[in-house]
Amino acid sequence: MTRDEDEAGAPCREGRISRPTKVLADGHEVINIDTYIPYFLSSVNNALSSGASAQYLRDYGVGIVDWRVISMLAIEPGIPAARICSVVSLDKGAASRSLAKLAEVELVAGEAMENDPRRRIWTLSPAGYALHDRILAAALVRERKLIDGTDPADLEAFLRVIRVMRRNVEGL
């Protein structure tokens, strides 16, 4: 099977219909940004994150990292920073800075863990929950705009696939 046949819709060697690369006229193989999945994931995530961060900073005084911390504490109250990092893929430094900032403005509170006083478990304050609810409403509007025009069955198929990719990324 030639590369041209792959481009024409026959399954590529990875079992895909579309190829993640293309061959330029000079013979160089390069990423095809129309079909390379990591490009799309990164591009969509970067655009979403920067847009959300700008909106949330402007409207609520917190950025996207802060929103991720706040939303995680709403989902699982009383968790350590390590759990936040694990679930939303934040680095420890970003989570620590965000928690310190949010604690300073009394949106979160940290309490020393019984078995390790150096570690803290974090919860939202009443003001933190109120901010969560306001940002959640805006986040859901953004999601509705993002998926506008998507067939519901396609959206569910996409969610199934993206869940598999999320699991697979742990092994990369």
C-alpha atoms as a PDB file:
ATOM      1  CA  MET A   1       0.000   0.000   0.000  1.00  0.00           C
ATOM      2  CA  THR A   2       1.460   3.378  -0.980  1.00  0.00           C
ATOM      3  CA  ARG A   3       1.129   6.617   0.906  1.00  0.00           C
ATOM      4  CA  ASP A   4      -1.222   7.829  -1.839  1.00  0.00           C
ATOM      5  CA  GLU A   5      -3.506   4.878  -1.176  1.00  0.00           C
ATOM      6  CA  ASP A   6      -3.435   5.709   2.526  1.00  0.00           C
ATOM      7  CA  GLU A   7      -4.436   9.298   1.749  1.00  0.00           C
ATOM      8  CA  ALA A   8      -7.284   7.996  -0.433  1.00  0.00           C
ATOM      9  CA  GLY A   9      -9.034   6.414   2.536  1.00  0.00           C
ATOM     10  CA  ALA A  10      -7.617   2.902   2.898  1.00  0.00           C
ATOM     11  CA  PRO A  11      -6.619   2.047   6.466  1.00  0.00           C
ATOM     12  CA  CYS A  12      -3.072   3.082   7.307  1.00  0.00           C
ATOM     13  CA  ARG A  13      -0.694   0.722   9.062  1.00  0.00           C
ATOM     14  CA  GLU A  14      -1.978   1.925  12.472  1.00  0.00           C
ATOM     15  CA  GLY A  15      -5.493   0.789  11.539  1.00  0.00           C
ATOM     16  CA  ARG A  16      -6.666   4.325  10.870  1.00  0.00           C
ATOM     17  CA  ILE A  17      -8.515   5.591   7.844  1.00  0.00           C
ATOM     18  CA  SER A  18      -6.712   8.937   7.865  1.00  0.00           C
ATOM     19  CA  ARG A  19      -2.941   9.226   8.227  1.00  0.00           C
ATOM     20  CA  PRO A  20      -1.294  11.380  10.900  1.00  0.00           C
ATOM     21  CA  THR A  21       1.397  12.439   8.391  1.00  0.00           C
ATOM     22  CA  LYS A  22       1.682  13.555   4.805  1.00  0.00           C
ATOM     23  CA  VAL A  23       4.546  13.617   2.317  1.00  0.00           C
ATOM     24  CA  LEU A  24       5.573  16.973   0.907  1.00  0.00           C
ATOM     25  CA  ALA A  25       6.587  17.455  -2.723  1.00  0.00           C
ATOM     26  CA  ASP A  26      10.246  17.337  -1.641  1.00  0.00           C
ATOM     27  CA  GLY A  27       9.711  13.873  -0.125  1.00  0.00           C
ATOM     28  CA  HIS A  28       9.764  14.901   3.547  1.00  0.00           C
ATOM     29  CA  GLU A  29       7.196  13.246   5.787  1.00  0.00           C
ATOM     30  CA  VAL A  30       5.575  15.782   8.136  1.00  0.00           C
ATOM     31  CA  ILE A  31       2.672  15.918  10.544  1.00  0.00           C
ATOM     32  CA  ASN A  32      -0.668  16.444   8.843  1.00  0.00           C
ATOM     33  CA  ILE A  33      -2.418  18.918  11.125  1.00  0.00           C
ATOM     34  CA  ASP A  34      -5.747  17.995   9.546  1.00  0.00           C
ATOM     35  CA  THR A  35      -5.504  14.433  10.908  1.00  0.00           C
ATOM     36  CA  TYR A  36      -2.866  14.365  13.697  1.00  0.00           C
ATOM     37  CA  ILE A  37      -4.858  13.865  16.874  1.00  0.00           C
ATOM     38  CA  PRO A  38      -2.371  15.392  19.368  1.00  0.00           C
ATOM     39  CA  TYR A  39      -2.421  18.602  17.304  1.00  0.00           C
ATOM     40  CA  PHE A  40      -6.196  18.863  17.564  1.00  0.00           C
ATOM     41  CA  LEU A  41      -6.242  18.054  21.272  1.00  0.00           C
ATOM     42  CA  SER A  42      -3.521  20.596  21.985  1.00  0.00           C
ATOM     43  CA  SER A  43      -4.956  23.254  19.703  1.00  0.00           C
ATOM     44  CA  VAL A  44      -8.472  22.967  21.090  1.00  0.00           C
ATOM     45  CA  ASN A  45      -7.228  22.840  24.684  1.00  0.00           C
ATOM     46  CA  ASN A  46      -4.939  25.854  24.237  1.00  0.00           C
ATOM     47  CA  ALA A  47      -7.695  27.916  22.640  1.00  0.00           C
ATOM     48  CA  LEU A  48     -10.212  26.895  25.298  1.00  0.00           C
ATOM     49  CA  SER A  49      -7.805  27.522  28.169  1.00  0.00           C
ATOM     50  CA  SER A  50      -6.625  30.915  26.987  1.00  0.00           C
ATOM     51  CA  GLY A  51     -10.170  32.086  26.250  1.00  0.00           C
ATOM     52  CA  ALA A  52     -11.502  30.797  29.568  1.00  0.00           C
ATOM     53  CA  SER A  53      -8.583  32.241  31.488  1.00  0.00           C
ATOM     54  CA  ALA A  54      -9.089  35.689  29.962  1.00  0.00           C
ATOM     55  CA  GLN A  55     -12.833  35.589  30.640  1.00  0.00           C
ATOM     56  CA  TYR A  56     -12.530  34.260  34.181  1.00  0.00           C
ATOM     57  CA  LEU A  57      -9.768  36.739  35.079  1.00  0.00           C
ATOM     58  CA  ARG A  58     -11.840  39.605  33.688  1.00  0.00           C
ATOM     59  CA  ASP A  59     -15.175  38.542  35.186  1.00  0.00           C
ATOM     60  CA  TYR A  60     -14.180  36.736  38.402  1.00  0.00           C
ATOM     61  CA  GLY A  61     -10.563  37.597  39.201  1.00  0.00           C
ATOM     62  CA  VAL A  62      -9.266  34.032  38.832  1.00  0.00           C
ATOM     63  CA  GLY A  63      -7.475  32.288  35.976  1.00  0.00           C
ATOM     64  CA  ILE A  64      -7.945  28.881  34.456  1.00  0.00           C
ATOM     65  CA  VAL A  65      -5.607  27.122  36.909  1.00  0.00           C
ATOM     66  CA  ASP A  66      -7.552  28.627  39.806  1.00  0.00           C
ATOM     67  CA  TRP A  67     -10.812  27.507  38.192  1.00  0.00           C
ATOM     68  CA  ARG A  68      -9.491  23.963  37.837  1.00  0.00           C
ATOM     69  CA  VAL A  69      -8.503  23.931  41.516  1.00  0.00           C
ATOM     70  CA  ILE A  70     -11.848  25.398  42.592  1.00  0.00           C
ATOM     71  CA  SER A  71     -13.843  22.957  40.467  1.00  0.00           C
ATOM     72  CA  MET A  72     -11.841  19.990  41.758  1.00  0.00           C
ATOM     73  CA  LEU A  73     -12.481  21.072  45.372  1.00  0.00           C
ATOM     74  CA  ALA A  74     -16.193  21.333  44.602  1.00  0.00           C
ATOM     75  CA  ILE A  75     -16.157  17.822  43.123  1.00  0.00           C
ATOM     76  CA  GLU A  76     -14.055  16.286  45.929  1.00  0.00           C
ATOM     77  CA  PRO A  77     -13.999  18.454  49.051  1.00  0.00           C
ATOM     78  CA  GLY A  78     -11.256  17.805  51.578  1.00  0.00           C
ATOM     79  CA  ILE A  79      -8.507  16.560  49.271  1.00  0.00           C
ATOM     80  CA  PRO A  80      -4.760  17.187  49.220  1.00  0.00           C
ATOM     81  CA  ALA A  81      -3.066  19.168  46.465  1.00  0.00           C
ATOM     82  CA  ALA A  82      -1.597  15.943  45.077  1.00  0.00           C
ATOM     83  CA  ARG A  83      -5.102  14.695  44.237  1.00  0.00           C
ATOM     84  CA  ILE A  84      -5.910  17.934  42.422  1.00  0.00           C
ATOM     85  CA  CYS A  85      -2.686  17.607  40.427  1.00  0.00           C
ATOM     86  CA  SER A  86      -3.438  14.016  39.533  1.00  0.00           C
ATOM     87  CA  VAL A  87      -6.992  14.530  38.323  1.00  0.00           C
ATOM     88  CA  VAL A  88      -6.592  17.776  36.373  1.00  0.00           C
ATOM     89  CA  SER A  89      -2.970  17.229  35.306  1.00  0.00           C
ATOM     90  CA  LEU A  90      -1.532  20.273  37.057  1.00  0.00           C
ATOM     91  CA  ASP A  91       2.073  20.460  38.126  1.00  0.00           C
ATOM     92  CA  LYS A  92       2.686  20.775  41.856  1.00  0.00           C
ATOM     93  CA  GLY A  93       4.018  24.317  41.594  1.00  0.00           C
ATOM     94  CA  ALA A  94       0.951  25.626  39.754  1.00  0.00           C
ATOM     95  CA  ALA A  95      -1.410  23.937  42.215  1.00  0.00           C
ATOM     96  CA  SER A  96       0.548  25.248  45.193  1.00  0.00           C
ATOM     97  CA  ARG A  97       0.578  28.822  43.874  1.00  0.00           C
ATOM     98  CA  SER A  98      -3.128  28.667  43.110  1.00  0.00           C
ATOM     99  CA  LEU A  99      -4.031  27.245  46.525  1.00  0.00           C
ATOM    100  CA  ALA A 100      -1.926  29.920  48.259  1.00  0.00           C
ATOM    101  CA  LYS A 101      -3.593  32.670  46.212  1.00  0.00           C
ATOM    102  CA  LEU A 102      -7.089  31.273  46.801  1.00  0.00           C
ATOM    103  CA  ALA A 103      -6.394  30.857  50.531  1.00  0.00           C
ATOM    104  CA  GLU A 104      -5.168  34.445  50.751  1.00  0.00           C
ATOM    105  CA  VAL A 105      -8.498  35.722  49.414  1.00  0.00           C
ATOM    106  CA  GLU A 106     -10.372  33.208  51.600  1.00  0.00           C
ATOM    107  CA  LEU A 107     -11.866  31.133  48.808  1.00  0.00           C
ATOM    108  CA  VAL A 108     -10.260  27.933  50.127  1.00  0.00           C
ATOM    109  CA  ALA A 109      -9.044  26.701  53.486  1.00  0.00           C
ATOM    110  CA  GLY A 110      -6.334  24.185  54.184  1.00  0.00           C
ATOM    111  CA  GLU A 111      -6.169  21.948  57.229  1.00  0.00           C
ATOM    112  CA  ALA A 112      -3.174  19.869  58.270  1.00  0.00           C
ATOM    113  CA  MET A 113      -3.611  16.134  57.744  1.00  0.00           C
ATOM    114  CA  GLU A 114      -3.602  14.046  60.923  1.00  0.00           C
ATOM    115  CA  ASN A 115      -1.038  11.538  59.690  1.00  0.00           C
ATOM    116  CA  ASP A 116       1.280  14.159  58.141  1.00  0.00           C
ATOM    117  CA  PRO A 117       1.055  17.715  59.510  1.00  0.00           C
ATOM    118  CA  ARG A 118       3.188  18.990  56.602  1.00  0.00           C
ATOM    119  CA  ARG A 119       0.427  18.083  54.124  1.00  0.00           C
ATOM    120  CA  ARG A 120      -2.904  19.822  53.974  1.00  0.00           C
ATOM    121  CA  ILE A 121      -6.366  18.907  52.842  1.00  0.00           C
ATOM    122  CA  TRP A 122      -8.241  21.662  51.075  1.00  0.00           C
ATOM    123  CA  THR A 123     -11.883  22.715  51.001  1.00  0.00           C
ATOM    124  CA  LEU A 124     -13.810  25.560  49.475  1.00  0.00           C
ATOM    125  CA  SER A 125     -15.077  28.283  51.781  1.00  0.00           C
ATOM    126  CA  PRO A 126     -18.665  29.521  51.404  1.00  0.00           C
ATOM    127  CA  ALA A 127     -17.266  32.338  49.218  1.00  0.00           C
ATOM    128  CA  GLY A 128     -15.384  29.714  47.206  1.00  0.00           C
ATOM    129  CA  TYR A 129     -18.572  27.748  46.594  1.00  0.00           C
ATOM    130  CA  ALA A 130     -20.378  30.928  45.551  1.00  0.00           C
ATOM    131  CA  LEU A 131     -17.600  31.743  43.078  1.00  0.00           C
ATOM    132  CA  HIS A 132     -17.650  28.141  41.845  1.00  0.00           C
ATOM    133  CA  ASP A 133     -21.350  28.379  41.080  1.00  0.00           C
ATOM    134  CA  ARG A 134     -20.926  31.641  39.133  1.00  0.00           C
ATOM    135  CA  ILE A 135     -17.994  30.332  37.082  1.00  0.00           C
ATOM    136  CA  LEU A 136     -19.725  26.988  36.502  1.00  0.00           C
ATOM    137  CA  ALA A 137     -22.619  28.795  34.823  1.00  0.00           C
ATOM    138  CA  ALA A 138     -20.163  30.580  32.501  1.00  0.00           C
ATOM    139  CA  ALA A 139     -18.224  27.357  31.845  1.00  0.00           C
ATOM    140  CA  LEU A 140     -21.400  25.553  30.825  1.00  0.00           C
ATOM    141  CA  VAL A 141     -22.268  28.378  28.401  1.00  0.00           C
ATOM    142  CA  ARG A 142     -18.776  28.024  26.896  1.00  0.00           C
ATOM    143  CA  GLU A 143     -19.256  24.251  26.570  1.00  0.00           C
ATOM    144  CA  ARG A 144     -22.640  24.703  24.866  1.00  0.00           C
ATOM    145  CA  LYS A 145     -21.041  27.069  22.349  1.00  0.00           C
ATOM    146  CA  LEU A 146     -18.164  24.626  21.804  1.00  0.00           C
ATOM    147  CA  ILE A 147     -20.428  21.687  20.962  1.00  0.00           C
ATOM    148  CA  ASP A 148     -23.024  23.724  19.049  1.00  0.00           C
ATOM    149  CA  GLY A 149     -23.959  21.901  15.856  1.00  0.00           C
ATOM    150  CA  THR A 150     -22.578  18.550  17.006  1.00  0.00           C
ATOM    151  CA  ASP A 151     -24.820  15.554  16.505  1.00  0.00           C
ATOM    152  CA  PRO A 152     -25.618  14.077  19.954  1.00  0.00           C
ATOM    153  CA  ALA A 153     -24.590  10.571  18.855  1.00  0.00           C
ATOM    154  CA  ASP A 154     -21.279  11.933  17.528  1.00  0.00           C
ATOM    155  CA  LEU A 155     -20.708  13.751  20.801  1.00  0.00           C
ATOM    156  CA  GLU A 156     -21.243  10.557  22.800  1.00  0.00           C
ATOM    157  CA  ALA A 157     -18.890   8.659  20.469  1.00  0.00           C
ATOM    158  CA  PHE A 158     -16.304  11.411  20.922  1.00  0.00           C
ATOM    159  CA  LEU A 159     -16.639  11.176  24.711  1.00  0.00           C
ATOM    160  CA  ARG A 160     -16.091   7.410  24.581  1.00  0.00           C
ATOM    161  CA  VAL A 161     -12.965   7.880  22.465  1.00  0.00           C
ATOM    162  CA  ILE A 162     -11.550  10.741  24.534  1.00  0.00           C
ATOM    163  CA  ARG A 163     -11.997   8.712  27.738  1.00  0.00           C
ATOM    164  CA  VAL A 164      -9.911   5.922  26.197  1.00  0.00           C
ATOM    165  CA  MET A 165      -7.277   8.468  25.161  1.00  0.00           C
ATOM    166  CA  ARG A 166      -7.229   9.924  28.682  1.00  0.00           C
ATOM    167  CA  ARG A 167      -6.523   6.450  30.075  1.00  0.00           C
ATOM    168  CA  ASN A 168      -3.913   5.773  27.399  1.00  0.00           C
ATOM    169  CA  VAL A 169      -2.037   9.012  28.009  1.00  0.00           C
ATOM    170  CA  GLU A 170      -0.914   7.663  31.384  1.00  0.00           C
ATOM    171  CA  GLY A 171       1.199   5.079  29.565  1.00  0.00           C
ATOM    172  CA  LEU A 172       2.968   7.529  27.234  1.00  0.00           C
END
